[in-house]
Amino acid sequence: MTEEDSPSKGSPAWILCEDLLVRIKEELISEAMRALDRELKSGNIRVNGSLITSAEQDKENEQSLFLINHLIKERQSMHERYNRYMSESNERYDAETISRIDALKRFMLSVDAIALLMDYVNVIDSWIKDISIEVKPSSISDILTKTSESNDKRRELIDFVSKRRRFLDEHVVGSEEYAILSKIAQSQRA
């Protein structure tokens, strides 16, 4: 089935393209929140006070985003603070210290992953503005190609999504959309 044969054929391509990016953005935010939740449950992040107490989903999401933004803000200083421990040879440390350093490395990888996901969210926010003025192209593929060809971060995001079949398997994107993203990513790699 081609893009023109899709069930949303009557909708303008720029609207379909915006919808696609919004779904990807929401999944990226959810993935960042899941990574934060794993760090909270593992004890690598502790929240003092009553920050996460609400049973309401919106409030919990808002609080998670607050924590994520705080982690991203502190990310560079955390790297500076802990890099010497993570780059030294473990030979001089006892088993407990080595275990703590390994946990710190995993934590910093999670923080870096969260930062990357949220960076992609910001890329999508500016991208949607550019897509909304692309009313002439008649296909999602044309719009994504045109609006990403001179932007490294957008091309990186297309590549990121195209390499994660999970976006398709979890119905974040449809099979046609996934094929479009994969084709664009492949052509950009060439």
N, C-alpha and C. Protein backbone atom coordinates (compact mmCIF):
# COMPACT_ATOMS: atom_id res chain seq x y z
N MET A 1 0.85 -1.17 0.00
CA MET A 1 0.00 0.00 0.00
C MET A 1 0.89 1.24 0.00
N THR A 2 0.64 2.16 -0.89
CA THR A 2 1.44 3.37 -0.96
C THR A 2 0.87 4.43 -0.02
N GLU A 3 1.65 5.46 0.17
CA GLU A 3 1.22 6.54 1.05
C GLU A 3 -0.09 7.16 0.57
N GLU A 4 -0.24 7.30 -0.77
CA GLU A 4 -1.46 7.89 -1.30
C GLU A 4 -2.67 6.99 -1.10
N ASP A 5 -2.45 5.69 -0.90
CA ASP A 5 -3.54 4.74 -0.68
C ASP A 5 -3.97 4.64 0.78
N SER A 6 -3.32 5.37 1.65
CA SER A 6 -3.60 5.23 3.08
C SER A 6 -5.01 5.70 3.41
N PRO A 7 -5.53 5.22 4.56
CA PRO A 7 -6.89 5.57 4.95
C PRO A 7 -7.09 7.07 5.17
N SER A 8 -6.03 7.80 5.43
CA SER A 8 -6.15 9.23 5.69
C SER A 8 -5.88 10.05 4.44
N LYS A 9 -6.12 9.46 3.28
CA LYS A 9 -5.80 10.09 2.00
C LYS A 9 -6.40 11.49 1.89
N GLY A 10 -7.55 11.71 2.44
CA GLY A 10 -8.21 13.01 2.32
C GLY A 10 -7.62 14.09 3.19
N SER A 11 -6.81 13.75 4.17
CA SER A 11 -6.20 14.74 5.05
C SER A 11 -4.96 15.32 4.39
N PRO A 12 -4.73 16.63 4.60
CA PRO A 12 -3.51 17.22 4.05
C PRO A 12 -2.26 16.56 4.64
N ALA A 13 -1.24 16.42 3.82
CA ALA A 13 -0.01 15.73 4.22
C ALA A 13 0.65 16.40 5.42
N TRP A 14 0.61 17.73 5.47
CA TRP A 14 1.27 18.41 6.58
C TRP A 14 0.59 18.10 7.91
N ILE A 15 -0.72 17.90 7.91
CA ILE A 15 -1.44 17.54 9.14
C ILE A 15 -1.06 16.12 9.55
N LEU A 16 -1.00 15.21 8.59
CA LEU A 16 -0.60 13.83 8.88
C LEU A 16 0.84 13.78 9.41
N CYS A 17 1.68 14.62 8.84
CA CYS A 17 3.08 14.69 9.26
C CYS A 17 3.19 15.22 10.69
N GLU A 18 2.45 16.27 11.00
CA GLU A 18 2.43 16.81 12.37
C GLU A 18 1.93 15.75 13.36
N ASP A 19 0.88 15.05 12.97
CA ASP A 19 0.33 14.00 13.83
C ASP A 19 1.38 12.92 14.11
N LEU A 20 2.10 12.53 13.08
CA LEU A 20 3.15 11.53 13.23
C LEU A 20 4.20 12.00 14.23
N LEU A 21 4.66 13.23 14.07
CA LEU A 21 5.69 13.75 14.98
C LEU A 21 5.18 13.91 16.41
N VAL A 22 3.92 14.28 16.57
CA VAL A 22 3.36 14.40 17.91
C VAL A 22 3.32 13.04 18.60
N ARG A 23 2.94 11.99 17.86
CA ARG A 23 2.93 10.64 18.44
C ARG A 23 4.34 10.19 18.83
N ILE A 24 5.31 10.50 17.98
CA ILE A 24 6.70 10.14 18.29
C ILE A 24 7.16 10.92 19.51
N LYS A 25 6.83 12.19 19.57
CA LYS A 25 7.20 13.03 20.72
C LYS A 25 6.62 12.48 22.02
N GLU A 26 5.35 12.11 22.00
CA GLU A 26 4.72 11.57 23.20
C GLU A 26 5.40 10.27 23.64
N GLU A 27 5.80 9.45 22.69
CA GLU A 27 6.49 8.21 23.04
C GLU A 27 7.88 8.48 23.61
N LEU A 28 8.57 9.46 23.07
CA LEU A 28 9.89 9.82 23.60
C LEU A 28 9.78 10.32 25.04
N ILE A 29 8.76 11.12 25.32
CA ILE A 29 8.54 11.60 26.68
C ILE A 29 8.21 10.43 27.60
N SER A 30 7.36 9.52 27.13
CA SER A 30 7.01 8.34 27.93
C SER A 30 8.24 7.48 28.21
N GLU A 31 9.10 7.34 27.22
CA GLU A 31 10.32 6.55 27.39
C GLU A 31 11.25 7.20 28.42
N ALA A 32 11.35 8.52 28.38
CA ALA A 32 12.17 9.24 29.37
C ALA A 32 11.59 9.06 30.77
N MET A 33 10.26 9.10 30.88
CA MET A 33 9.61 8.91 32.18
C MET A 33 9.83 7.49 32.70
N ARG A 34 9.79 6.50 31.81
CA ARG A 34 10.04 5.12 32.23
C ARG A 34 11.48 4.96 32.72
N ALA A 35 12.42 5.61 32.05
CA ALA A 35 13.82 5.55 32.49
C ALA A 35 13.97 6.21 33.86
N LEU A 36 13.30 7.33 34.05
CA LEU A 36 13.33 7.99 35.36
C LEU A 36 12.73 7.08 36.43
N ASP A 37 11.62 6.45 36.10
CA ASP A 37 10.95 5.56 37.06
C ASP A 37 11.85 4.39 37.44
N ARG A 38 12.58 3.84 36.47
CA ARG A 38 13.52 2.75 36.78
C ARG A 38 14.61 3.22 37.74
N GLU A 39 15.09 4.43 37.54
CA GLU A 39 16.13 4.97 38.43
C GLU A 39 15.57 5.24 39.82
N LEU A 40 14.34 5.70 39.89
CA LEU A 40 13.70 5.91 41.20
C LEU A 40 13.52 4.58 41.93
N LYS A 41 13.03 3.57 41.21
CA LYS A 41 12.80 2.26 41.83
C LYS A 41 14.09 1.57 42.23
N SER A 42 15.17 1.80 41.49
CA SER A 42 16.44 1.18 41.83
C SER A 42 17.14 1.89 42.98
N GLY A 43 16.64 3.06 43.34
CA GLY A 43 17.23 3.80 44.43
C GLY A 43 18.37 4.72 44.00
N ASN A 44 18.63 4.79 42.70
CA ASN A 44 19.69 5.68 42.22
C ASN A 44 19.30 7.14 42.32
N ILE A 45 17.99 7.40 42.33
CA ILE A 45 17.48 8.75 42.53
C ILE A 45 16.55 8.69 43.73
N ARG A 46 16.76 9.59 44.63
CA ARG A 46 15.88 9.68 45.80
C ARG A 46 15.25 11.05 45.81
N VAL A 47 13.97 11.09 46.10
CA VAL A 47 13.24 12.33 46.16
C VAL A 47 12.91 12.60 47.61
N ASN A 48 13.43 13.70 48.12
CA ASN A 48 13.13 14.08 49.49
C ASN A 48 11.87 14.92 49.51
N GLY A 49 11.10 14.81 50.55
CA GLY A 49 9.88 15.58 50.66
C GLY A 49 8.71 14.84 50.06
N SER A 50 7.74 15.59 49.62
CA SER A 50 6.51 14.97 49.13
C SER A 50 6.29 15.27 47.65
N LEU A 51 7.34 15.20 46.89
CA LEU A 51 7.22 15.55 45.48
C LEU A 51 6.33 14.58 44.71
N ILE A 52 6.51 13.27 44.88
CA ILE A 52 5.70 12.31 44.15
C ILE A 52 4.75 11.63 45.13
N THR A 53 3.60 12.25 45.31
CA THR A 53 2.61 11.70 46.23
C THR A 53 1.24 11.56 45.60
N SER A 54 1.02 12.26 44.51
CA SER A 54 -0.31 12.29 43.91
C SER A 54 -0.60 11.02 43.13
N ALA A 55 -1.84 10.60 43.22
CA ALA A 55 -2.27 9.45 42.43
C ALA A 55 -2.77 9.90 41.07
N GLU A 56 -2.94 11.19 40.88
CA GLU A 56 -3.42 11.71 39.60
C GLU A 56 -2.32 11.61 38.56
N GLN A 57 -2.64 11.04 37.41
CA GLN A 57 -1.65 10.82 36.36
C GLN A 57 -1.04 12.12 35.86
N ASP A 58 -1.85 13.16 35.64
CA ASP A 58 -1.31 14.42 35.14
C ASP A 58 -0.31 15.03 36.10
N LYS A 59 -0.63 15.01 37.36
CA LYS A 59 0.26 15.58 38.35
C LYS A 59 1.55 14.76 38.44
N GLU A 60 1.43 13.46 38.37
CA GLU A 60 2.61 12.59 38.40
C GLU A 60 3.49 12.83 37.18
N ASN A 61 2.87 12.97 36.01
CA ASN A 61 3.62 13.27 34.80
C ASN A 61 4.33 14.61 34.91
N GLU A 62 3.64 15.59 35.44
CA GLU A 62 4.23 16.91 35.62
C GLU A 62 5.42 16.84 36.57
N GLN A 63 5.29 16.09 37.62
CA GLN A 63 6.38 15.95 38.58
C GLN A 63 7.56 15.17 37.96
N SER A 64 7.25 14.17 37.15
CA SER A 64 8.31 13.43 36.46
C SER A 64 9.05 14.34 35.51
N LEU A 65 8.33 15.16 34.77
CA LEU A 65 8.98 16.10 33.85
C LEU A 65 9.83 17.11 34.61
N PHE A 66 9.38 17.53 35.78
CA PHE A 66 10.17 18.42 36.63
C PHE A 66 11.49 17.75 37.01
N LEU A 67 11.42 16.50 37.44
CA LEU A 67 12.64 15.77 37.80
C LEU A 67 13.55 15.56 36.60
N ILE A 68 12.96 15.24 35.46
CA ILE A 68 13.74 15.05 34.24
C ILE A 68 14.47 16.33 33.88
N ASN A 69 13.76 17.44 33.90
CA ASN A 69 14.39 18.72 33.57
C ASN A 69 15.50 19.06 34.56
N HIS A 70 15.31 18.73 35.81
CA HIS A 70 16.34 18.97 36.82
C HIS A 70 17.57 18.10 36.55
N LEU A 71 17.35 16.83 36.23
CA LEU A 71 18.47 15.94 35.90
C LEU A 71 19.25 16.45 34.70
N ILE A 72 18.54 16.91 33.68
CA ILE A 72 19.20 17.41 32.48
C ILE A 72 20.00 18.67 32.81
N LYS A 73 19.43 19.51 33.63
CA LYS A 73 20.11 20.74 34.04
C LYS A 73 21.40 20.43 34.80
N GLU A 74 21.37 19.40 35.63
CA GLU A 74 22.52 19.03 36.46
C GLU A 74 23.45 18.02 35.78
N ARG A 75 23.10 17.57 34.61
CA ARG A 75 23.84 16.50 33.93
C ARG A 75 25.32 16.82 33.77
N GLN A 76 25.62 17.98 33.25
CA GLN A 76 27.02 18.34 33.01
C GLN A 76 27.82 18.36 34.31
N SER A 77 27.26 18.96 35.33
CA SER A 77 28.00 19.02 36.61
C SER A 77 28.15 17.64 37.22
N MET A 78 27.17 16.75 37.02
CA MET A 78 27.30 15.38 37.52
C MET A 78 28.44 14.67 36.79
N HIS A 79 28.52 14.86 35.48
CA HIS A 79 29.62 14.25 34.72
C HIS A 79 30.96 14.75 35.23
N GLU A 80 31.06 16.05 35.43
CA GLU A 80 32.31 16.63 35.92
C GLU A 80 32.67 16.08 37.30
N ARG A 81 31.67 15.93 38.14
CA ARG A 81 31.87 15.46 39.51
C ARG A 81 32.29 13.98 39.55
N TYR A 82 31.71 13.16 38.69
CA TYR A 82 31.90 11.72 38.80
C TYR A 82 32.84 11.11 37.76
N ASN A 83 33.24 11.89 36.76
CA ASN A 83 34.07 11.33 35.69
C ASN A 83 35.36 10.69 36.20
N ARG A 84 35.98 11.27 37.20
CA ARG A 84 37.25 10.69 37.66
C ARG A 84 37.03 9.31 38.26
N TYR A 85 35.91 9.09 38.93
CA TYR A 85 35.63 7.76 39.49
C TYR A 85 35.34 6.75 38.38
N MET A 86 34.64 7.22 37.37
CA MET A 86 34.21 6.31 36.30
C MET A 86 35.34 6.00 35.32
N SER A 87 36.35 6.85 35.24
CA SER A 87 37.42 6.62 34.27
C SER A 87 38.66 5.97 34.89
N GLU A 88 38.73 5.92 36.21
CA GLU A 88 39.88 5.29 36.88
C GLU A 88 39.80 3.77 36.78
N SER A 89 40.95 3.17 36.93
CA SER A 89 41.01 1.71 36.99
C SER A 89 40.36 1.24 38.30
N ASN A 90 39.62 0.16 38.21
CA ASN A 90 38.93 -0.37 39.40
C ASN A 90 39.85 -1.20 40.30
N GLU A 91 41.08 -1.42 39.89
CA GLU A 91 41.98 -2.30 40.62
C GLU A 91 42.25 -1.83 42.04
N ARG A 92 42.20 -0.54 42.27
CA ARG A 92 42.54 -0.03 43.60
C ARG A 92 41.35 0.00 44.56
N TYR A 93 40.16 -0.38 44.08
CA TYR A 93 38.96 -0.31 44.92
C TYR A 93 38.54 -1.70 45.37
N ASP A 94 37.82 -1.72 46.49
CA ASP A 94 37.27 -2.99 46.97
C ASP A 94 35.98 -3.30 46.21
N ALA A 95 35.44 -4.48 46.41
CA ALA A 95 34.27 -4.95 45.65
C ALA A 95 33.06 -4.05 45.84
N GLU A 96 32.84 -3.57 47.05
CA GLU A 96 31.69 -2.71 47.31
C GLU A 96 31.81 -1.39 46.56
N THR A 97 32.99 -0.80 46.56
CA THR A 97 33.21 0.46 45.85
C THR A 97 33.06 0.26 44.35
N ILE A 98 33.58 -0.85 43.83
CA ILE A 98 33.43 -1.16 42.41
C ILE A 98 31.96 -1.30 42.05
N SER A 99 31.20 -1.92 42.90
CA SER A 99 29.76 -2.08 42.67
C SER A 99 29.07 -0.71 42.63
N ARG A 100 29.46 0.17 43.54
CA ARG A 100 28.88 1.52 43.57
C ARG A 100 29.26 2.32 42.32
N ILE A 101 30.52 2.16 41.87
CA ILE A 101 30.96 2.85 40.66
C ILE A 101 30.19 2.33 39.44
N ASP A 102 29.99 1.01 39.39
CA ASP A 102 29.20 0.44 38.29
C ASP A 102 27.77 0.97 38.30
N ALA A 103 27.17 1.08 39.48
CA ALA A 103 25.83 1.64 39.60
C ALA A 103 25.82 3.10 39.14
N LEU A 104 26.87 3.84 39.48
CA LEU A 104 26.99 5.23 39.07
C LEU A 104 27.08 5.32 37.55
N LYS A 105 27.86 4.43 36.94
CA LYS A 105 27.96 4.42 35.48
C LYS A 105 26.61 4.16 34.83
N ARG A 106 25.87 3.19 35.37
CA ARG A 106 24.54 2.88 34.82
C ARG A 106 23.60 4.09 34.99
N PHE A 107 23.70 4.73 36.14
CA PHE A 107 22.88 5.91 36.40
C PHE A 107 23.20 7.02 35.40
N MET A 108 24.47 7.28 35.18
CA MET A 108 24.86 8.34 34.25
C MET A 108 24.45 8.00 32.82
N LEU A 109 24.50 6.72 32.46
CA LEU A 109 24.01 6.31 31.14
C LEU A 109 22.51 6.59 31.02
N SER A 110 21.76 6.34 32.10
CA SER A 110 20.33 6.62 32.09
C SER A 110 20.07 8.12 31.96
N VAL A 111 20.84 8.92 32.69
CA VAL A 111 20.68 10.37 32.60
C VAL A 111 20.99 10.84 31.19
N ASP A 112 22.05 10.30 30.60
CA ASP A 112 22.40 10.66 29.21
C ASP A 112 21.29 10.25 28.25
N ALA A 113 20.72 9.07 28.45
CA ALA A 113 19.63 8.60 27.58
C ALA A 113 18.40 9.49 27.73
N ILE A 114 18.08 9.86 28.96
CA ILE A 114 16.94 10.76 29.20
C ILE A 114 17.20 12.10 28.51
N ALA A 115 18.41 12.62 28.63
CA ALA A 115 18.75 13.90 28.00
C ALA A 115 18.61 13.81 26.48
N LEU A 116 19.05 12.71 25.90
CA LEU A 116 18.93 12.52 24.45
C LEU A 116 17.46 12.49 24.04
N LEU A 117 16.65 11.74 24.76
CA LEU A 117 15.22 11.65 24.43
C LEU A 117 14.56 13.03 24.50
N MET A 118 14.88 13.79 25.54
CA MET A 118 14.27 15.10 25.69
C MET A 118 14.83 16.10 24.67
N ASP A 119 16.06 15.90 24.24
CA ASP A 119 16.60 16.73 23.16
C ASP A 119 15.81 16.47 21.88
N TYR A 120 15.49 15.21 21.62
CA TYR A 120 14.66 14.88 20.46
C TYR A 120 13.27 15.51 20.58
N VAL A 121 12.72 15.56 21.78
CA VAL A 121 11.42 16.21 21.99
C VAL A 121 11.51 17.68 21.56
N ASN A 122 12.59 18.35 21.96
CA ASN A 122 12.77 19.75 21.58
C ASN A 122 12.95 19.90 20.07
N VAL A 123 13.62 18.95 19.44
CA VAL A 123 13.78 18.95 17.98
C VAL A 123 12.40 18.89 17.33
N ILE A 124 11.55 18.04 17.84
CA ILE A 124 10.20 17.88 17.26
C ILE A 124 9.40 19.17 17.42
N ASP A 125 9.52 19.83 18.58
CA ASP A 125 8.76 21.07 18.78
C ASP A 125 9.06 22.11 17.70
N SER A 126 10.34 22.30 17.39
CA SER A 126 10.67 23.28 16.35
C SER A 126 10.32 22.75 14.95
N TRP A 127 10.43 21.44 14.78
CA TRP A 127 10.15 20.82 13.49
C TRP A 127 8.68 20.99 13.11
N ILE A 128 7.80 20.82 14.07
CA ILE A 128 6.36 20.95 13.80
C ILE A 128 6.04 22.34 13.27
N LYS A 129 6.71 23.36 13.77
CA LYS A 129 6.48 24.72 13.27
C LYS A 129 6.85 24.81 11.79
N ASP A 130 7.95 24.18 11.41
CA ASP A 130 8.37 24.21 10.00
C ASP A 130 7.41 23.40 9.13
N ILE A 131 6.91 22.31 9.65
CA ILE A 131 5.99 21.46 8.88
C ILE A 131 4.67 22.19 8.61
N SER A 132 4.23 22.99 9.56
CA SER A 132 2.93 23.65 9.40
C SER A 132 2.89 24.63 8.23
N ILE A 133 4.06 25.04 7.74
CA ILE A 133 4.06 25.95 6.58
C ILE A 133 4.29 25.21 5.26
N GLU A 134 4.43 23.90 5.34
CA GLU A 134 4.64 23.07 4.14
C GLU A 134 3.30 22.56 3.64
N VAL A 135 2.51 23.43 3.05
CA VAL A 135 1.17 23.04 2.61
C VAL A 135 1.14 22.52 1.17
N LYS A 136 2.18 22.78 0.40
CA LYS A 136 2.18 22.33 -1.00
C LYS A 136 2.55 20.87 -1.19
N PRO A 137 3.59 20.35 -0.53
CA PRO A 137 3.93 18.94 -0.77
C PRO A 137 2.75 18.03 -0.43
N SER A 138 2.58 17.00 -1.26
CA SER A 138 1.40 16.15 -1.09
C SER A 138 1.68 14.85 -0.35
N SER A 139 2.91 14.68 0.13
CA SER A 139 3.18 13.44 0.85
C SER A 139 3.99 13.69 2.11
N ILE A 140 3.78 12.81 3.07
CA ILE A 140 4.54 12.88 4.33
C ILE A 140 6.02 12.77 4.03
N SER A 141 6.36 11.88 3.15
CA SER A 141 7.76 11.66 2.80
C SER A 141 8.41 12.93 2.27
N ASP A 142 7.73 13.62 1.36
CA ASP A 142 8.28 14.86 0.79
C ASP A 142 8.49 15.91 1.88
N ILE A 143 7.53 16.04 2.77
CA ILE A 143 7.63 17.04 3.83
C ILE A 143 8.77 16.71 4.79
N LEU A 144 8.83 15.46 5.23
CA LEU A 144 9.90 15.08 6.16
C LEU A 144 11.28 15.23 5.53
N THR A 145 11.38 14.85 4.27
CA THR A 145 12.66 14.98 3.57
C THR A 145 13.05 16.45 3.44
N LYS A 146 12.13 17.26 3.00
CA LYS A 146 12.42 18.69 2.78
C LYS A 146 12.77 19.40 4.08
N THR A 147 12.05 19.10 5.15
CA THR A 147 12.27 19.82 6.41
C THR A 147 13.41 19.25 7.24
N SER A 148 13.97 18.14 6.81
CA SER A 148 15.07 17.55 7.58
C SER A 148 16.41 17.58 6.85
N GLU A 149 16.38 17.83 5.55
CA GLU A 149 17.60 17.68 4.76
C GLU A 149 18.75 18.58 5.20
N SER A 150 18.47 19.72 5.75
CA SER A 150 19.56 20.62 6.17
C SER A 150 19.67 20.71 7.70
N ASN A 151 19.06 19.76 8.40
CA ASN A 151 19.09 19.80 9.86
C ASN A 151 19.59 18.44 10.39
N ASP A 152 20.80 18.44 10.91
CA ASP A 152 21.40 17.19 11.39
C ASP A 152 20.59 16.52 12.48
N LYS A 153 20.04 17.28 13.40
CA LYS A 153 19.28 16.70 14.52
C LYS A 153 18.00 16.03 14.02
N ARG A 154 17.35 16.61 13.06
CA ARG A 154 16.13 16.01 12.52
C ARG A 154 16.46 14.71 11.79
N ARG A 155 17.54 14.72 11.03
CA ARG A 155 17.96 13.49 10.34
C ARG A 155 18.35 12.43 11.35
N GLU A 156 19.01 12.84 12.43
CA GLU A 156 19.38 11.91 13.49
C GLU A 156 18.14 11.30 14.14
N LEU A 157 17.11 12.11 14.35
CA LEU A 157 15.87 11.63 14.94
C LEU A 157 15.17 10.63 14.02
N ILE A 158 15.13 10.93 12.73
CA ILE A 158 14.53 9.99 11.77
C ILE A 158 15.28 8.66 11.83
N ASP A 159 16.59 8.72 11.86
CA ASP A 159 17.41 7.51 11.94
C ASP A 159 17.14 6.76 13.24
N PHE A 160 17.04 7.49 14.34
CA PHE A 160 16.77 6.90 15.66
C PHE A 160 15.46 6.11 15.63
N VAL A 161 14.41 6.72 15.13
CA VAL A 161 13.10 6.06 15.10
C VAL A 161 13.12 4.88 14.13
N SER A 162 13.77 5.05 12.99
CA SER A 162 13.77 3.98 11.99
C SER A 162 14.53 2.74 12.45
N LYS A 163 15.43 2.90 13.40
CA LYS A 163 16.20 1.76 13.90
C LYS A 163 15.55 1.09 15.11
N ARG A 164 14.42 1.60 15.54
CA ARG A 164 13.72 1.03 16.69
C ARG A 164 12.34 0.54 16.27
N ARG A 165 12.32 -0.72 15.96
CA ARG A 165 11.08 -1.35 15.52
C ARG A 165 10.00 -1.27 16.60
N ARG A 166 10.41 -1.02 17.81
CA ARG A 166 9.46 -0.89 18.92
C ARG A 166 8.41 0.18 18.62
N PHE A 167 8.80 1.24 17.91
CA PHE A 167 7.83 2.28 17.55
C PHE A 167 6.70 1.70 16.70
N LEU A 168 7.04 0.75 15.85
CA LEU A 168 6.04 0.07 15.01
C LEU A 168 5.29 -0.97 15.83
N ASP A 169 6.03 -1.80 16.56
CA ASP A 169 5.42 -2.89 17.33
C ASP A 169 4.44 -2.39 18.38
N GLU A 170 4.72 -1.21 18.93
CA GLU A 170 3.83 -0.65 19.97
C GLU A 170 2.83 0.35 19.38
N HIS A 171 2.70 0.35 18.06
CA HIS A 171 1.70 1.14 17.34
C HIS A 171 1.83 2.65 17.56
N VAL A 172 3.05 3.10 17.81
CA VAL A 172 3.30 4.55 17.86
C VAL A 172 3.22 5.09 16.43
N VAL A 173 3.78 4.32 15.50
CA VAL A 173 3.69 4.66 14.08
C VAL A 173 3.09 3.47 13.35
N GLY A 174 2.41 3.75 12.26
CA GLY A 174 1.85 2.68 11.44
C GLY A 174 2.92 2.09 10.53
N SER A 175 2.60 0.99 9.90
CA SER A 175 3.57 0.32 9.05
C SER A 175 3.99 1.20 7.86
N GLU A 176 3.04 1.93 7.28
CA GLU A 176 3.37 2.84 6.18
C GLU A 176 4.29 3.95 6.65
N GLU A 177 3.99 4.51 7.82
CA GLU A 177 4.82 5.59 8.37
C GLU A 177 6.22 5.08 8.70
N TYR A 178 6.29 3.88 9.26
CA TYR A 178 7.59 3.30 9.60
C TYR A 178 8.41 3.07 8.33
N ALA A 179 7.75 2.60 7.28
CA ALA A 179 8.43 2.38 6.00
C ALA A 179 8.94 3.71 5.42
N ILE A 180 8.15 4.75 5.55
CA ILE A 180 8.55 6.08 5.08
C ILE A 180 9.78 6.55 5.85
N LEU A 181 9.73 6.46 7.17
CA LEU A 181 10.85 6.89 8.00
C LEU A 181 12.11 6.08 7.69
N SER A 182 11.95 4.78 7.53
CA SER A 182 13.09 3.92 7.23
C SER A 182 13.71 4.27 5.88
N LYS A 183 12.85 4.52 4.88
CA LYS A 183 13.34 4.87 3.54
C LYS A 183 14.09 6.20 3.57
N ILE A 184 13.55 7.18 4.30
CA ILE A 184 14.23 8.49 4.40
C ILE A 184 15.57 8.32 5.11
N ALA A 185 15.57 7.57 6.21
CA ALA A 185 16.81 7.35 6.96
C ALA A 185 17.86 6.67 6.09
N GLN A 186 17.42 5.67 5.35
CA GLN A 186 18.35 4.94 4.48
C GLN A 186 18.92 5.87 3.40
N SER A 187 18.08 6.70 2.82
CA SER A 187 18.56 7.62 1.77
C SER A 187 19.50 8.68 2.36
N GLN A 188 19.29 9.07 3.60
CA GLN A 188 20.15 10.06 4.24
C GLN A 188 21.49 9.45 4.63
N ARG A 189 21.53 8.15 4.89
CA ARG A 189 22.78 7.47 5.23
C ARG A 189 23.66 7.28 4.00
N ALA A 190 23.01 7.23 2.83
CA ALA A 190 23.75 6.95 1.59
C ALA A 190 24.59 8.12 1.15
